[in-house]
Amino acid sequence: MRRLALTGVGVALVWGTLGTLGYALGWQVHARQASGFLVRAERNIAHRAVAGTAHTPSRPPACVVTAPRTGQLAGLLEIPAINLTAPVEEGSSDAVLSAAVGHDPSSVWPGAAGTSAFLAHDVSYFVHLGSLQPGDTVRYVTACSTTTFVVSRSEVVQQGAAVPDTSGPSLVLDTCYPSNALFFTSQRLLVWARESGTAPAGGGARAQTLAAPAADTVSYDVPAPAALVAQGLTLQQNEAPMGTMTLSGRTTPGWEQSPGPMALEAAALEAYFGGLRATAGTVAAWWSAIAEPSLAPPAALRGATVSGHDAPLNVTIVSTRDVASKVVLSTELTISGGPAPGTYLETVTADVHGATVLLGGWTLRPA
């Protein structure tokens, strides 16, 4: 009963806090960390542990991984059916979830009796969670062992719903529903799995404490002048209802299930809000700093303000072989003042040049 209460309260608090902060906002406020570096770091730790055992065969095949601290790298989550390999960190804060899959501290770790709860953002690591079927395999890998689970069922519940504890070892994967939402949702997708076995890593390993190294950052730059940045270019500083994200072109699940798309979406929003600020103030220098040389400010926005976004702002990322080329934002908005006030269907394109994001297209069509 104690584990049941702790798990339920912990998951409710996690998602309640995320709802208060705002889903998309959290990704922009915290550092955007790359999963690849953490995955490589964890595999290196496991490799060194196994290699150490091979060189010291007289040592007993015992391995102990101490309980990780909050924000510390703990292991890897592998789900072959959706081609997912993700780092796992202890904790459920937004800083943790922006870099890794988080383990709910109020739940047990895989292998112990009870329910182990893992949480992640839907449009990142768990974007394809809804496609899992009963019988699919989920593995939790540490330097010492691999614990395997088999998916048994999935369900959609309301935010804050208690996650029941189980008498035997089990795993629940928890994310927002629907899986492509950029907005805060009131429902959660839970995927349940039962433990099917645990195998040691390489026949045994020396005791290891898994410490998380500093992670690389996934960052995209919008070359906005300081004076324009001071106007406020983040979603936190601009009211715009967010819609859904779509990944277009040739991408791999590894990139889709990483912090990269959300980091790129945040940069595209900064360019978009920067464009609105530049045109409202008719500051040519601001516009030229964040737009392609061939792109002129939309005539209807000169000296005008956006009095309302009348439809969700949908995001489409176009990429080839995991290299993004542009981000397309589409919505409906009402313009007040300026030469042509009214309601328009808007499409904005942000071009991606490596790590730099510039406005590349802006069209307004009367609604």
Protein backbone atom coordinates (compact mmCIF):
# COMPACT_ATOMS: atom_id res chain seq x y z
CA MET A 1 0.00 0.00 0.00
CA ARG A 2 2.89 2.34 0.77
CA ARG A 3 4.43 1.78 -2.68
CA LEU A 4 1.01 2.22 -4.28
CA ALA A 5 0.50 5.56 -2.57
CA LEU A 6 3.99 6.81 -3.35
CA THR A 7 3.80 5.83 -7.01
CA GLY A 8 0.36 7.33 -7.52
CA VAL A 9 1.18 10.57 -5.74
CA GLY A 10 4.52 10.88 -7.51
CA VAL A 11 3.10 10.48 -11.00
CA ALA A 12 0.23 12.85 -10.22
CA LEU A 13 2.61 15.50 -8.93
CA VAL A 14 4.91 15.12 -11.94
CA TRP A 15 2.24 15.67 -14.52
CA GLY A 16 0.42 18.28 -12.46
CA THR A 17 3.62 20.32 -12.31
CA LEU A 18 4.23 19.93 -16.03
CA GLY A 19 0.69 21.09 -16.73
CA THR A 20 1.18 24.19 -14.63
CA LEU A 21 4.43 25.14 -16.34
CA GLY A 22 3.13 24.46 -19.80
CA TYR A 23 4.28 21.58 -21.99
CA ALA A 24 6.03 23.36 -24.85
CA LEU A 25 7.35 26.09 -22.54
CA GLY A 26 9.34 23.62 -20.50
CA TRP A 27 11.40 22.57 -23.50
CA GLN A 28 12.43 26.17 -24.15
CA VAL A 29 13.15 27.23 -20.56
CA HIS A 30 15.55 24.38 -19.80
CA ALA A 31 18.78 23.36 -21.51
CA ARG A 32 18.24 21.25 -24.61
CA GLN A 33 20.42 18.19 -24.18
CA ALA A 34 21.30 15.56 -26.77
CA SER A 35 20.43 11.95 -26.09
CA GLY A 36 23.25 10.53 -28.19
CA PHE A 37 25.97 11.67 -25.81
CA LEU A 38 24.23 10.15 -22.79
CA VAL A 39 23.62 6.87 -24.61
CA ARG A 40 27.29 6.62 -25.58
CA ALA A 41 28.37 7.49 -22.04
CA GLU A 42 26.21 4.74 -20.54
CA ARG A 43 27.46 2.16 -23.04
CA ASN A 44 31.06 3.14 -22.30
CA ILE A 45 30.44 2.63 -18.58
CA ALA A 46 28.99 -0.83 -19.24
CA HIS A 47 31.87 -1.70 -21.60
CA ARG A 48 34.48 -0.70 -19.02
CA ALA A 49 32.70 -2.70 -16.33
CA VAL A 50 32.56 -5.87 -18.43
CA ALA A 51 36.15 -5.40 -19.64
CA GLY A 52 37.31 -5.04 -16.05
CA THR A 53 35.78 -8.41 -15.20
CA ALA A 54 37.47 -10.05 -18.18
CA HIS A 55 40.86 -8.84 -16.98
CA THR A 56 40.24 -9.93 -13.38
CA PRO A 57 38.71 -13.41 -13.70
CA SER A 58 39.44 -14.21 -10.06
CA ARG A 59 36.91 -11.63 -8.93
CA PRO A 60 33.41 -12.88 -8.23
CA PRO A 61 30.82 -12.01 -10.88
CA ALA A 62 29.09 -9.54 -8.60
CA CYS A 63 27.93 -6.13 -9.73
CA VAL A 64 26.29 -3.36 -7.75
CA VAL A 65 24.87 -0.15 -9.16
CA THR A 66 24.18 2.35 -6.43
CA ALA A 67 20.92 4.29 -6.46
CA PRO A 68 21.46 7.29 -8.75
CA ARG A 69 20.84 10.79 -7.52
CA THR A 70 18.30 13.11 -9.15
CA GLY A 71 19.44 14.05 -12.65
CA GLN A 72 22.05 11.28 -12.70
CA LEU A 73 22.41 8.85 -15.59
CA ALA A 74 21.03 5.47 -14.52
CA GLY A 75 20.81 3.23 -17.58
CA LEU A 76 19.28 2.78 -21.01
CA LEU A 77 15.72 2.06 -22.11
CA GLU A 78 15.53 -0.06 -25.27
CA ILE A 79 12.30 -0.77 -27.16
CA PRO A 80 13.12 -2.60 -30.42
CA ALA A 81 9.59 -2.37 -31.84
CA ILE A 82 9.86 1.42 -32.13
CA ASN A 83 13.66 1.52 -32.58
CA LEU A 84 14.12 3.40 -29.33
CA THR A 85 17.34 3.59 -27.34
CA ALA A 86 17.07 6.34 -24.74
CA PRO A 87 19.11 7.38 -21.70
CA VAL A 88 17.36 7.08 -18.35
CA GLU A 89 17.96 9.59 -15.57
CA GLU A 90 16.65 9.64 -12.05
CA GLY A 91 13.90 12.21 -11.55
CA SER A 92 10.90 13.65 -13.31
CA SER A 93 11.66 17.36 -13.46
CA ASP A 94 11.42 19.11 -16.80
CA ALA A 95 15.21 19.51 -16.83
CA VAL A 96 15.51 15.71 -16.72
CA LEU A 97 12.73 15.07 -19.25
CA SER A 98 14.29 17.49 -21.74
CA ALA A 99 17.36 15.25 -21.96
CA ALA A 100 16.28 11.74 -21.04
CA VAL A 101 13.53 9.37 -20.00
CA GLY A 102 12.87 10.02 -16.32
CA HIS A 103 12.43 7.44 -13.59
CA ASP A 104 9.79 8.41 -11.05
CA PRO A 105 11.71 8.54 -7.74
CA SER A 106 8.65 7.35 -5.82
CA SER A 107 8.62 4.05 -7.72
CA VAL A 108 10.90 1.04 -7.54
CA TRP A 109 13.70 0.37 -10.02
CA PRO A 110 13.28 -2.41 -12.61
CA GLY A 111 13.86 -5.83 -11.12
CA ALA A 112 12.33 -5.07 -7.72
CA ALA A 113 8.83 -6.11 -6.72
CA GLY A 114 6.38 -3.38 -7.62
CA THR A 115 5.74 -0.97 -10.46
CA SER A 116 8.67 0.94 -11.95
CA ALA A 117 7.41 4.14 -13.60
CA PHE A 118 9.26 5.78 -16.50
CA LEU A 119 8.07 9.11 -17.92
CA ALA A 120 8.95 11.04 -21.09
CA HIS A 121 7.60 13.71 -23.38
CA ASP A 122 5.29 12.48 -26.11
CA VAL A 123 6.83 14.45 -28.98
CA SER A 124 10.27 13.22 -28.01
CA TYR A 125 11.32 9.81 -26.70
CA PHE A 126 7.78 8.45 -26.36
CA VAL A 127 6.35 9.87 -29.59
CA HIS A 128 5.75 6.33 -30.94
CA LEU A 129 4.71 4.76 -27.67
CA GLY A 130 1.13 4.34 -28.86
CA SER A 131 2.18 1.86 -31.54
CA LEU A 132 3.39 -0.73 -29.03
CA GLN A 133 1.43 -3.98 -28.98
CA PRO A 134 1.07 -6.76 -26.39
CA GLY A 135 4.07 -9.04 -26.69
CA ASP A 136 6.54 -6.30 -27.64
CA THR A 137 9.78 -6.26 -25.67
CA VAL A 138 11.08 -3.47 -23.42
CA ARG A 139 14.60 -3.69 -21.96
CA TYR A 140 16.19 -1.74 -19.14
CA VAL A 141 19.98 -1.93 -19.41
CA THR A 142 22.60 -1.00 -16.82
CA ALA A 143 26.32 -1.73 -16.50
CA CYS A 144 25.38 -4.78 -14.45
CA SER A 145 22.38 -6.36 -16.09
CA THR A 146 19.56 -6.25 -18.60
CA THR A 147 16.01 -6.59 -17.32
CA THR A 148 13.47 -7.57 -19.97
CA PHE A 149 9.76 -6.80 -19.90
CA VAL A 150 6.91 -7.85 -22.19
CA VAL A 151 4.15 -5.36 -23.01
CA SER A 152 0.80 -6.55 -21.68
CA ARG A 153 -1.61 -3.66 -22.33
CA SER A 154 -2.02 0.08 -22.80
CA GLU A 155 -4.63 2.56 -21.65
CA VAL A 156 -5.48 6.26 -21.81
CA VAL A 157 -6.23 7.84 -18.44
CA GLN A 158 -6.88 11.32 -17.09
CA GLN A 159 -4.00 13.41 -15.80
CA GLY A 160 -3.30 12.65 -12.14
CA ALA A 161 -4.76 9.14 -12.23
CA ALA A 162 -3.07 6.87 -9.69
CA VAL A 163 -0.74 4.19 -11.07
CA PRO A 164 -1.44 0.97 -9.17
CA ASP A 165 1.46 -1.00 -7.73
CA THR A 166 1.89 -4.67 -8.60
CA SER A 167 2.95 -7.56 -6.39
CA GLY A 168 5.59 -8.67 -8.88
CA PRO A 169 8.11 -6.65 -10.94
CA SER A 170 6.40 -4.57 -13.62
CA LEU A 171 7.01 -1.48 -15.72
CA VAL A 172 4.75 1.37 -16.79
CA LEU A 173 5.69 3.88 -19.49
CA ASP A 174 3.86 7.19 -19.06
CA THR A 175 3.47 10.07 -21.53
CA CYS A 176 1.02 12.71 -22.72
CA TYR A 177 -1.79 11.77 -25.10
CA PRO A 178 -2.12 12.34 -28.06
CA SER A 179 1.48 11.71 -29.02
CA ASN A 180 1.91 14.61 -31.48
CA ALA A 181 0.50 17.35 -29.25
CA LEU A 182 2.58 20.48 -28.61
CA PHE A 183 -0.03 21.74 -26.17
CA PHE A 184 -0.76 20.61 -22.62
CA THR A 185 -3.13 17.66 -22.67
CA SER A 186 -5.40 16.37 -19.94
CA GLN A 187 -4.89 12.70 -20.80
CA ARG A 188 -2.00 10.30 -20.36
CA LEU A 189 -1.02 7.16 -22.25
CA LEU A 190 0.14 4.30 -20.02
CA VAL A 191 1.84 1.22 -21.46
CA TRP A 192 2.17 -1.70 -19.03
CA ALA A 193 4.75 -4.47 -19.21
CA ARG A 194 5.56 -7.52 -17.06
CA GLU A 195 9.10 -8.61 -16.26
CA SER A 196 10.17 -11.73 -18.13
CA GLY A 197 13.75 -12.10 -16.90
CA THR A 198 17.06 -10.52 -15.95
CA ALA A 199 20.48 -11.37 -17.41
CA PRO A 200 23.89 -10.21 -16.17
CA ALA A 201 26.03 -8.01 -18.40
CA GLY A 202 28.92 -10.00 -19.82
CA GLY A 203 28.72 -12.65 -17.13
CA GLY A 204 29.34 -10.22 -14.31
CA ALA A 205 31.04 -6.92 -13.69
CA ARG A 206 32.77 -4.87 -11.09
CA ALA A 207 30.78 -2.52 -8.90
CA GLN A 208 30.00 0.71 -10.70
CA THR A 209 28.40 4.01 -9.80
CA LEU A 210 26.79 5.45 -12.90
CA ALA A 211 27.59 9.15 -12.90
CA ALA A 212 26.11 11.35 -15.60
CA PRO A 213 28.69 13.44 -17.48
CA ALA A 214 27.83 16.85 -18.82
CA ALA A 215 25.72 16.33 -21.94
CA ASP A 216 26.12 17.98 -25.29
CA THR A 217 23.45 20.53 -26.11
CA VAL A 218 21.02 20.50 -28.99
CA SER A 219 20.86 24.18 -29.83
CA TYR A 220 19.72 26.19 -32.83
CA ASP A 221 20.57 29.86 -33.16
CA VAL A 222 18.33 32.66 -34.35
CA PRO A 223 20.72 35.61 -34.95
CA ALA A 224 18.39 38.18 -33.43
CA PRO A 225 19.97 41.44 -32.21
CA ALA A 226 19.98 41.96 -28.45
CA ALA A 227 17.42 44.74 -28.74
CA LEU A 228 15.03 42.40 -30.54
CA VAL A 229 15.61 39.57 -28.05
CA ALA A 230 14.73 42.02 -25.30
CA GLN A 231 11.27 42.33 -26.87
CA GLY A 232 10.56 38.74 -25.87
CA LEU A 233 10.82 35.95 -28.45
CA THR A 234 9.98 32.80 -26.51
CA LEU A 235 6.64 31.09 -26.17
CA GLN A 236 6.64 32.11 -22.52
CA GLN A 237 6.60 35.76 -23.58
CA ASN A 238 4.06 35.41 -26.38
CA GLU A 239 0.56 34.02 -26.24
CA ALA A 240 -0.03 31.56 -29.06
CA PRO A 241 -2.04 28.33 -28.85
CA MET A 242 0.12 25.43 -29.97
CA GLY A 243 -1.22 22.65 -32.16
CA THR A 244 0.57 19.53 -33.34
CA MET A 245 3.98 18.61 -34.72
CA THR A 246 4.50 16.67 -37.95
CA LEU A 247 7.84 15.31 -39.18
CA SER A 248 7.98 15.28 -42.98
CA GLY A 249 10.59 13.72 -45.24
CA ARG A 250 13.05 10.93 -44.57
CA THR A 251 13.74 10.60 -40.86
CA THR A 252 14.80 7.78 -38.58
CA PRO A 253 13.10 6.87 -35.30
CA GLY A 254 16.35 7.71 -33.51
CA TRP A 255 16.09 11.36 -34.54
CA GLU A 256 12.32 11.51 -34.16
CA GLN A 257 12.67 10.19 -30.60
CA SER A 258 15.31 12.70 -29.55
CA PRO A 259 15.23 16.27 -28.19
CA GLY A 260 16.25 17.59 -31.63
CA PRO A 261 12.81 18.25 -33.16
CA MET A 262 11.57 20.12 -30.10
CA ALA A 263 14.73 22.23 -29.94
CA LEU A 264 14.28 23.12 -33.61
CA GLU A 265 10.60 23.95 -33.05
CA ALA A 266 11.59 26.33 -30.25
CA ALA A 267 14.07 28.13 -32.51
CA ALA A 268 11.50 28.45 -35.30
CA LEU A 269 9.08 30.02 -32.84
CA GLU A 270 11.74 32.53 -31.79
CA ALA A 271 12.24 33.49 -35.44
CA TYR A 272 8.46 33.78 -35.91
CA PHE A 273 7.89 35.99 -32.89
CA GLY A 274 10.96 37.99 -33.87
CA GLY A 275 9.40 38.63 -37.26
CA LEU A 276 6.19 39.83 -35.66
CA ARG A 277 8.12 42.21 -33.40
CA ALA A 278 10.26 43.52 -36.24
CA THR A 279 7.29 44.25 -38.53
CA ALA A 280 5.17 45.77 -35.76
CA GLY A 281 7.96 48.20 -34.94
CA THR A 282 8.98 48.59 -38.60
CA VAL A 283 12.62 48.08 -37.58
CA ALA A 284 14.37 47.06 -40.79
CA ALA A 285 17.59 46.08 -39.03
CA TRP A 286 15.77 43.57 -36.86
CA TRP A 287 14.08 41.98 -39.85
CA SER A 288 17.24 41.74 -41.94
CA ALA A 289 19.09 40.04 -39.08
CA ILE A 290 16.66 37.12 -38.81
CA ALA A 291 15.39 36.75 -42.39
CA GLU A 292 16.86 35.56 -45.66
CA PRO A 293 18.11 38.50 -47.78
CA SER A 294 15.48 37.81 -50.44
CA LEU A 295 12.54 37.86 -48.01
CA ALA A 296 10.67 41.16 -47.59
CA PRO A 297 8.46 41.83 -44.56
CA PRO A 298 4.77 41.02 -45.22
CA ALA A 299 3.05 44.23 -46.21
CA ALA A 300 -0.02 43.60 -44.04
CA LEU A 301 2.15 43.34 -40.91
CA ARG A 302 4.01 46.64 -41.30
CA GLY A 303 3.13 48.74 -38.27
CA ALA A 304 0.39 46.27 -37.32
CA THR A 305 -0.11 43.99 -34.34
CA VAL A 306 -1.52 40.49 -34.02
CA SER A 307 -4.61 40.83 -31.86
CA GLY A 308 -5.20 37.09 -31.73
CA HIS A 309 -4.15 33.69 -32.99
CA ASP A 310 -7.52 32.25 -33.96
CA ALA A 311 -6.31 28.70 -34.58
CA PRO A 312 -3.60 26.46 -33.10
CA LEU A 313 -0.09 27.02 -34.43
CA ASN A 314 0.86 23.76 -36.17
CA VAL A 315 4.49 22.85 -36.81
CA THR A 316 5.91 20.74 -39.66
CA ILE A 317 9.62 19.91 -39.76
CA VAL A 318 10.96 18.95 -43.19
CA SER A 319 14.15 16.90 -43.19
CA THR A 320 16.17 14.41 -45.22
CA ARG A 321 18.11 11.66 -43.48
CA ASP A 322 17.65 13.41 -40.16
CA VAL A 323 19.04 16.71 -41.44
CA ALA A 324 16.33 19.35 -41.14
CA SER A 325 15.99 21.86 -43.98
CA LYS A 326 13.01 23.93 -42.88
CA VAL A 327 10.23 24.35 -40.36
CA VAL A 328 6.74 25.36 -41.52
CA LEU A 329 4.37 27.12 -39.10
CA SER A 330 0.70 27.48 -40.04
CA THR A 331 -2.18 29.16 -38.25
CA GLU A 332 -5.02 31.67 -38.59
CA LEU A 333 -4.62 35.09 -37.04
CA THR A 334 -6.28 38.48 -36.77
CA ILE A 335 -4.25 41.62 -37.57
CA SER A 336 -5.13 44.99 -36.08
CA GLY A 337 -3.85 48.30 -37.42
CA GLY A 338 -1.44 48.59 -40.30
CA PRO A 339 -2.39 48.91 -43.96
CA ALA A 340 -4.67 45.85 -44.17
CA PRO A 341 -6.29 44.75 -40.90
CA GLY A 342 -8.31 41.56 -40.97
CA THR A 343 -8.19 37.80 -40.49
CA TYR A 344 -5.63 35.79 -42.45
CA LEU A 345 -4.48 32.23 -43.00
CA GLU A 346 -0.76 32.39 -42.30
CA THR A 347 2.13 30.17 -43.37
CA VAL A 348 5.65 30.94 -42.18
CA THR A 349 8.75 29.03 -43.28
CA ALA A 350 11.97 29.03 -41.29
CA ASP A 351 15.05 27.84 -43.18
CA VAL A 352 17.61 25.72 -41.33
CA HIS A 353 21.27 26.28 -42.19
CA GLY A 354 23.15 23.90 -39.94
CA ALA A 355 22.46 25.31 -36.47
CA THR A 356 21.19 28.67 -37.73
CA VAL A 357 17.49 29.34 -38.30
CA LEU A 358 16.30 32.22 -40.54
CA LEU A 359 12.89 33.29 -41.80
CA GLY A 360 12.61 32.06 -45.38
CA GLY A 361 8.97 32.61 -46.31
CA TRP A 362 5.90 34.40 -45.01
CA THR A 363 2.52 34.34 -46.70
CA LEU A 364 -0.83 35.78 -45.59
CA ARG A 365 -4.07 34.84 -47.32
CA PRO A 366 -7.41 36.43 -46.38
CA ALA A 367 -9.47 33.91 -44.43
